[in-house]
Protein backbone atom coordinates (compact mmCIF):
# COMPACT_ATOMS: atom_id res chain seq x y z
CA MET A 1 0.00 0.00 0.00
CA SER A 2 1.49 3.31 -1.07
CA SER A 3 1.88 6.27 1.28
CA ASP A 4 -0.70 8.19 -0.79
CA ASP A 5 -3.24 5.41 -0.26
CA GLN A 6 -2.54 5.36 3.46
CA TYR A 7 -2.92 9.13 3.64
CA LEU A 8 -6.21 9.07 1.74
CA PHE A 9 -7.57 6.32 3.95
CA TRP A 10 -6.71 8.06 7.21
CA GLN A 11 -8.05 11.36 5.86
CA THR A 12 -11.34 9.64 5.11
CA MET A 13 -11.53 7.87 8.45
CA GLY A 14 -10.74 11.10 10.26
CA ALA A 15 -13.51 12.95 8.43
CA THR A 16 -15.92 10.10 9.18
CA ALA A 17 -15.06 10.13 12.88
CA ALA A 18 -15.49 13.92 13.01
CA LEU A 19 -18.91 13.75 11.34
CA LEU A 20 -20.07 10.98 13.68
CA ALA A 21 -18.90 12.99 16.70
CA ILE A 22 -20.59 16.19 15.51
CA THR A 23 -23.95 14.56 14.71
CA ILE A 24 -24.45 12.30 17.75
CA VAL A 25 -25.54 15.12 20.10
CA PRO A 26 -28.32 16.60 17.89
CA ILE A 27 -29.47 13.07 17.03
CA LEU A 28 -29.81 12.18 20.71
CA PHE A 29 -31.71 15.40 21.39
CA SER A 30 -34.04 14.75 18.44
CA ARG A 31 -35.23 11.50 20.09
CA GLN A 32 -35.90 10.04 16.67
CA ARG A 33 -35.16 6.36 16.76
CA VAL A 34 -34.54 6.01 13.02
CA LEU A 35 -31.80 8.66 13.14
CA LEU A 36 -30.06 6.93 16.03
CA GLU A 37 -30.34 3.57 14.28
CA ARG A 38 -28.76 4.99 11.13
CA TRP A 39 -26.00 6.67 13.15
CA LEU A 40 -25.20 3.36 14.88
CA VAL A 41 -25.08 1.54 11.54
CA TRP A 42 -22.65 4.14 10.15
CA ALA A 43 -20.48 3.89 13.27
CA THR A 44 -20.48 0.07 13.13
CA LEU A 45 -19.64 -0.07 9.42
CA SER A 46 -16.87 2.50 9.90
CA ALA A 47 -15.39 0.44 12.74
CA ALA A 48 -15.55 -2.71 10.58
CA ILE A 49 -13.75 -0.95 7.73
CA LEU A 50 -11.09 0.37 10.09
CA ALA A 51 -10.52 -3.09 11.59
CA ALA A 52 -10.30 -4.67 8.13
CA TRP A 53 -7.82 -2.03 6.95
CA LEU A 54 -5.58 -2.56 9.98
CA LEU A 55 -5.54 -6.31 9.28
CA GLY A 56 -4.31 -5.71 5.73
CA GLN A 57 -5.34 -7.69 2.66
CA PRO A 58 -6.76 -10.68 4.61
CA GLY A 59 -9.04 -8.35 6.55
CA LEU A 60 -10.14 -6.43 3.46
CA ILE A 61 -10.84 -9.64 1.52
CA THR A 62 -12.88 -10.96 4.45
CA LEU A 63 -14.89 -7.73 4.59
CA ALA A 64 -15.45 -7.76 0.83
CA THR A 65 -16.52 -11.42 0.93
CA LEU A 66 -19.02 -10.83 3.74
CA ALA A 67 -20.46 -7.87 1.83
CA ALA A 68 -20.68 -9.85 -1.41
CA VAL A 69 -22.37 -12.85 0.22
CA THR A 70 -24.90 -10.58 1.94
CA LEU A 71 -25.68 -8.59 -1.21
CA ILE A 72 -26.12 -11.63 -3.45
CA THR A 73 -28.29 -13.36 -0.84
CA GLU A 74 -30.58 -10.35 -0.48
CA LEU A 75 -30.91 -9.99 -4.25
CA MET A 76 -31.73 -13.67 -4.83
CA ARG A 77 -34.31 -13.69 -2.06
CA LEU A 78 -35.98 -10.67 -3.65
CA TYR A 79 -36.36 -12.68 -6.87
CA LYS A 80 -37.39 -15.80 -4.93
CA PHE A 81 -34.61 -18.03 -6.20
CA ALA A 82 -34.50 -21.61 -4.95
CA ASN A 83 -32.76 -21.94 -1.57
CA TRP A 84 -30.14 -24.35 -2.91
CA SER A 85 -29.08 -21.80 -5.53
CA ILE A 86 -28.60 -19.12 -2.85
CA ALA A 87 -26.16 -21.45 -1.08
CA VAL A 88 -24.31 -22.03 -4.37
CA ALA A 89 -24.15 -18.28 -5.01
CA ALA A 90 -22.74 -17.69 -1.53
CA VAL A 91 -19.95 -20.17 -2.27
CA VAL A 92 -19.28 -18.38 -5.58
CA ALA A 93 -19.00 -15.07 -3.71
CA ILE A 94 -16.49 -16.58 -1.28
CA VAL A 95 -14.41 -17.98 -4.15
CA ALA A 96 -14.49 -14.62 -5.92
CA GLY A 97 -13.22 -12.97 -2.77
CA GLN A 98 -10.29 -15.36 -2.54
CA LEU A 99 -9.47 -14.93 -6.22
CA SER A 100 -9.31 -11.18 -5.70
CA ARG A 101 -5.81 -11.68 -4.30
CA ASP A 102 -4.87 -11.50 -7.99
CA PRO A 103 -6.99 -8.52 -9.14
CA GLU A 104 -5.89 -8.39 -12.78
CA ARG A 105 -6.63 -12.05 -13.43
CA LEU A 106 -9.95 -11.84 -11.61
CA ALA A 107 -11.05 -8.77 -13.55
CA LEU A 108 -10.02 -10.12 -16.96
CA LEU A 109 -10.95 -13.81 -16.64
CA GLY A 110 -13.29 -13.97 -13.69
CA MET A 111 -15.96 -11.58 -14.91
CA PRO A 112 -17.01 -13.42 -18.10
CA THR A 113 -16.77 -16.75 -16.27
CA LEU A 114 -18.92 -15.60 -13.39
CA PHE A 115 -21.38 -13.89 -15.72
CA ALA A 116 -21.86 -17.13 -17.67
CA ALA A 117 -22.21 -19.12 -14.43
CA GLY A 118 -24.82 -16.65 -13.19
CA LEU A 119 -26.84 -16.97 -16.39
CA ILE A 120 -26.87 -20.76 -16.13
CA LEU A 121 -27.66 -20.85 -12.42
CA GLY A 122 -30.32 -18.17 -12.86
CA PHE A 123 -32.05 -20.15 -15.61
CA LEU A 124 -32.03 -23.31 -13.49
CA ALA A 125 -33.08 -21.78 -10.17
CA ALA A 126 -35.23 -18.72 -10.92
CA PRO A 127 -39.02 -19.06 -10.59
CA GLN A 128 -40.78 -19.96 -13.83
CA GLY A 129 -42.41 -16.54 -14.18
CA VAL A 130 -39.16 -14.59 -14.02
CA ARG A 131 -36.75 -17.17 -15.41
CA SER A 132 -35.37 -15.04 -18.25
CA LYS A 133 -35.16 -11.86 -16.19
CA GLY A 134 -33.80 -13.74 -13.18
CA SER A 135 -31.10 -15.35 -15.28
CA VAL A 136 -29.85 -12.00 -16.60
CA VAL A 137 -30.07 -10.38 -13.16
CA LEU A 138 -28.05 -13.17 -11.54
CA GLY A 139 -25.48 -13.07 -14.34
CA LEU A 140 -24.95 -9.35 -13.78
CA ALA A 141 -24.92 -9.85 -10.01
CA PHE A 142 -22.23 -12.53 -10.28
CA ALA A 143 -20.07 -10.22 -12.39
CA TRP A 144 -20.76 -7.48 -9.84
CA LEU A 145 -19.29 -9.71 -7.12
CA ILE A 146 -15.89 -9.13 -8.69
CA TRP A 147 -16.26 -5.40 -8.35
CA THR A 148 -17.27 -5.80 -4.71
CA SER A 149 -14.16 -7.85 -4.01
CA LEU A 150 -11.83 -5.45 -5.80
CA PHE A 151 -13.54 -2.26 -4.69
CA LEU A 152 -13.34 -2.80 -0.94
CA GLN A 153 -9.59 -3.39 -1.06
CA THR A 154 -8.61 0.11 -2.14
CA ALA A 155 -8.21 3.49 -0.49
CA GLN A 156 -10.31 4.88 -3.33
CA ALA A 157 -13.13 2.69 -2.04
CA MET A 158 -13.05 4.37 1.34
CA ALA A 159 -13.06 7.83 -0.25
CA THR A 160 -15.95 6.84 -2.51
CA LEU A 161 -17.91 5.39 0.41
CA TRP A 162 -17.37 8.60 2.36
CA VAL A 163 -18.52 10.90 -0.45
CA VAL A 164 -21.52 8.73 -1.34
CA ALA A 165 -22.51 8.44 2.31
CA CYS A 166 -22.48 12.23 2.67
CA PHE A 167 -24.45 12.52 -0.57
CA ASP A 168 -27.08 10.07 0.70
CA VAL A 169 -27.41 11.67 4.14
CA ALA A 170 -27.65 15.19 2.71
CA ALA A 171 -30.13 14.07 0.03
CA TRP A 172 -32.32 12.42 2.66
CA ALA A 173 -32.24 15.53 4.86
CA GLY A 174 -32.90 17.85 1.91
CA GLY A 175 -35.82 15.77 0.70
CA ARG A 176 -37.32 15.60 4.17
CA PHE A 177 -36.95 19.19 5.31
CA LEU A 178 -36.68 21.35 2.17
CA ALA A 179 -38.99 19.69 -0.36
CA ARG A 180 -41.38 22.64 -0.77
CA GLY A 181 -42.77 24.25 -3.89
CA PRO A 182 -40.62 23.65 -7.00
CA LEU A 183 -38.05 21.83 -4.86
CA ALA A 184 -40.64 19.13 -4.15
CA TRP A 185 -40.56 17.99 -7.78
CA HIS A 186 -40.24 14.18 -7.92
CA PHE A 187 -38.08 12.36 -10.46
CA SER A 188 -40.33 9.30 -10.52
CA PRO A 189 -43.27 9.42 -8.11
CA LYS A 190 -44.24 5.76 -8.65
CA ALA A 191 -40.82 4.08 -8.61
CA SER A 192 -39.02 6.36 -6.19
CA PRO A 193 -41.49 8.63 -4.36
CA ASN A 194 -38.90 10.03 -1.92
CA LYS A 195 -36.49 11.35 -4.55
CA THR A 196 -37.00 15.10 -4.96
CA LEU A 197 -35.17 17.99 -6.55
CA ALA A 198 -34.42 19.34 -3.06
CA GLY A 199 -32.79 16.05 -2.16
CA LEU A 200 -30.63 16.07 -5.27
CA ILE A 201 -29.44 19.66 -4.74
CA VAL A 202 -28.66 19.22 -1.04
CA GLY A 203 -27.13 15.79 -1.72
CA ALA A 204 -24.81 17.28 -4.34
CA PHE A 205 -23.78 19.94 -1.85
CA GLY A 206 -23.09 17.22 0.74
CA ALA A 207 -20.89 15.34 -1.75
CA LEU A 208 -19.02 18.56 -2.56
CA VAL A 209 -18.33 19.28 1.12
CA ALA A 210 -17.25 15.66 1.65
CA MET A 211 -14.70 15.82 -1.16
CA VAL A 212 -13.34 19.15 0.05
CA ALA A 213 -13.14 17.81 3.62
CA ILE A 214 -10.67 15.13 2.57
CA ASP A 215 -8.88 17.48 0.17
CA GLU A 216 -9.71 15.32 -2.83
CA PHE A 217 -12.06 17.51 -4.88
CA ASN A 218 -12.18 16.88 -8.61
CA PRO A 219 -15.03 18.41 -10.66
CA TYR A 220 -15.24 15.43 -13.01
CA ALA A 221 -15.37 12.89 -10.19
CA PHE A 222 -17.92 15.07 -8.42
CA VAL A 223 -20.29 15.04 -11.40
CA VAL A 224 -19.81 11.31 -11.94
CA ILE A 225 -20.55 10.53 -8.30
CA VAL A 226 -23.69 12.67 -8.13
CA VAL A 227 -25.10 11.32 -11.40
CA LEU A 228 -24.27 7.64 -10.88
CA ALA A 229 -25.23 7.62 -7.19
CA THR A 230 -28.63 9.05 -8.13
CA LEU A 231 -29.11 6.54 -10.96
CA GLY A 232 -28.02 3.61 -8.79
CA ASP A 233 -30.51 4.57 -6.11
CA TYR A 234 -33.22 4.96 -8.74
CA ILE A 235 -32.49 1.57 -10.33
CA GLU A 236 -32.73 -0.26 -7.03
CA SER A 237 -35.98 1.56 -6.23
CA ARG A 238 -37.42 0.51 -9.61
CA VAL A 239 -36.45 -3.11 -8.98
CA LYS A 240 -38.04 -3.13 -5.52
CA ARG A 241 -41.24 -1.44 -6.72
CA GLY A 242 -41.44 -3.92 -9.59
CA LEU A 243 -41.21 -6.78 -7.10
CA GLY A 244 -43.70 -5.15 -4.75
CA VAL A 245 -41.36 -4.68 -1.77
CA LYS A 246 -40.19 -1.60 0.13
CA ASP A 247 -36.78 -2.86 1.32
CA ALA A 248 -34.40 -5.57 0.14
CA SER A 249 -34.30 -7.04 3.65
CA ASN A 250 -35.07 -6.09 7.25
CA TRP A 251 -31.96 -6.92 9.28
CA LEU A 252 -30.12 -3.57 9.03
CA PRO A 253 -31.75 -1.04 11.42
CA GLY A 254 -32.81 2.20 9.78
CA PHE A 255 -32.04 0.98 6.25
CA GLY A 256 -33.60 -2.42 5.59
CA GLY A 257 -30.80 -4.43 4.05
CA LEU A 258 -27.25 -3.97 2.83
CA LEU A 259 -28.53 -3.71 -0.74
CA ASP A 260 -30.63 -0.73 0.35
CA ARG A 261 -27.47 0.85 1.81
CA PHE A 262 -25.35 0.00 -1.26
CA ASP A 263 -27.87 1.12 -3.88
CA SER A 264 -26.04 4.37 -4.64
CA LEU A 265 -22.93 2.29 -5.40
CA LEU A 266 -24.53 -0.02 -7.96
CA LEU A 267 -22.98 1.89 -10.86
CA LEU A 268 -20.15 3.63 -9.02
CA LEU A 269 -18.66 0.44 -7.63
CA PRO A 270 -17.55 -1.06 -10.99
CA LEU A 271 -16.26 2.31 -12.20
CA THR A 272 -14.22 2.89 -9.06
CA SER A 273 -12.84 -0.63 -9.30
CA VAL A 274 -11.70 -0.03 -12.87
CA TYR A 275 -9.97 3.17 -11.79
CA SER A 276 -8.63 1.77 -8.53
CA LEU A 277 -5.11 2.01 -9.88
CA LEU A 278 -5.74 5.44 -11.40
CA PRO A 279 -6.24 8.82 -9.71
CA LEU A 280 -10.06 8.97 -9.82
CA PHE A 281 -10.19 11.77 -7.30
CA ARG A 282 -7.13 13.68 -8.46
CA VAL A 283 -6.45 15.83 -11.49
């Protein structure tokens, strides 16, 4: 790990700790349970990331594998895949995590292999009514497992998580407290009723402040993050509405499931993985 990566990581963790410290007092005074639950989830995830980073590559691979297994399990349960196929997919996610010790080989050879495996498994295990769609979804999800494994092993990942988290929190606050008049305009009332123009504007401002806080502002990366985070959130909302559910799961307090927390990263995660060896946040 280069000194630049170490510096970026500790910058990000420092900014995260500062934000958590600043927000805990008003959250406690608000007496809103959902806010406290979300704060505790952020604090727990931040502690897990810090522990994984201190353990080095084994810790990061373990964290990435746990995330991948959880995400693929939630997705397959949404589509009502057969239980045996969920167990197979979990094993695939674990193998992908171990193969990520050799990132170049995994990215070049693993993605088409996993995509093909996902298509086959999806066709065999998806319910009859969604067999074609389920097959494609699982193929894409299997390929996405690679990006999860690669993404969570980089300092760029931590910076991306920080910026996206600030974007999400600010967008939620903006949509809740400032959505009045023209700012209450909804992007897609049916698929994503909580996404307003106020949320987008305040979310973009939150992302901007987050990038400046870690001294990593880049106008191109800023635009990419705001656009792709919004689209990722929208895509997951469309999927859930199409399946008639509100949340991907119910085990993560204040959010639902990990897929609900990762939705803004659906498109950003592969892109950041591709650029993990390049200066995504630097000119």
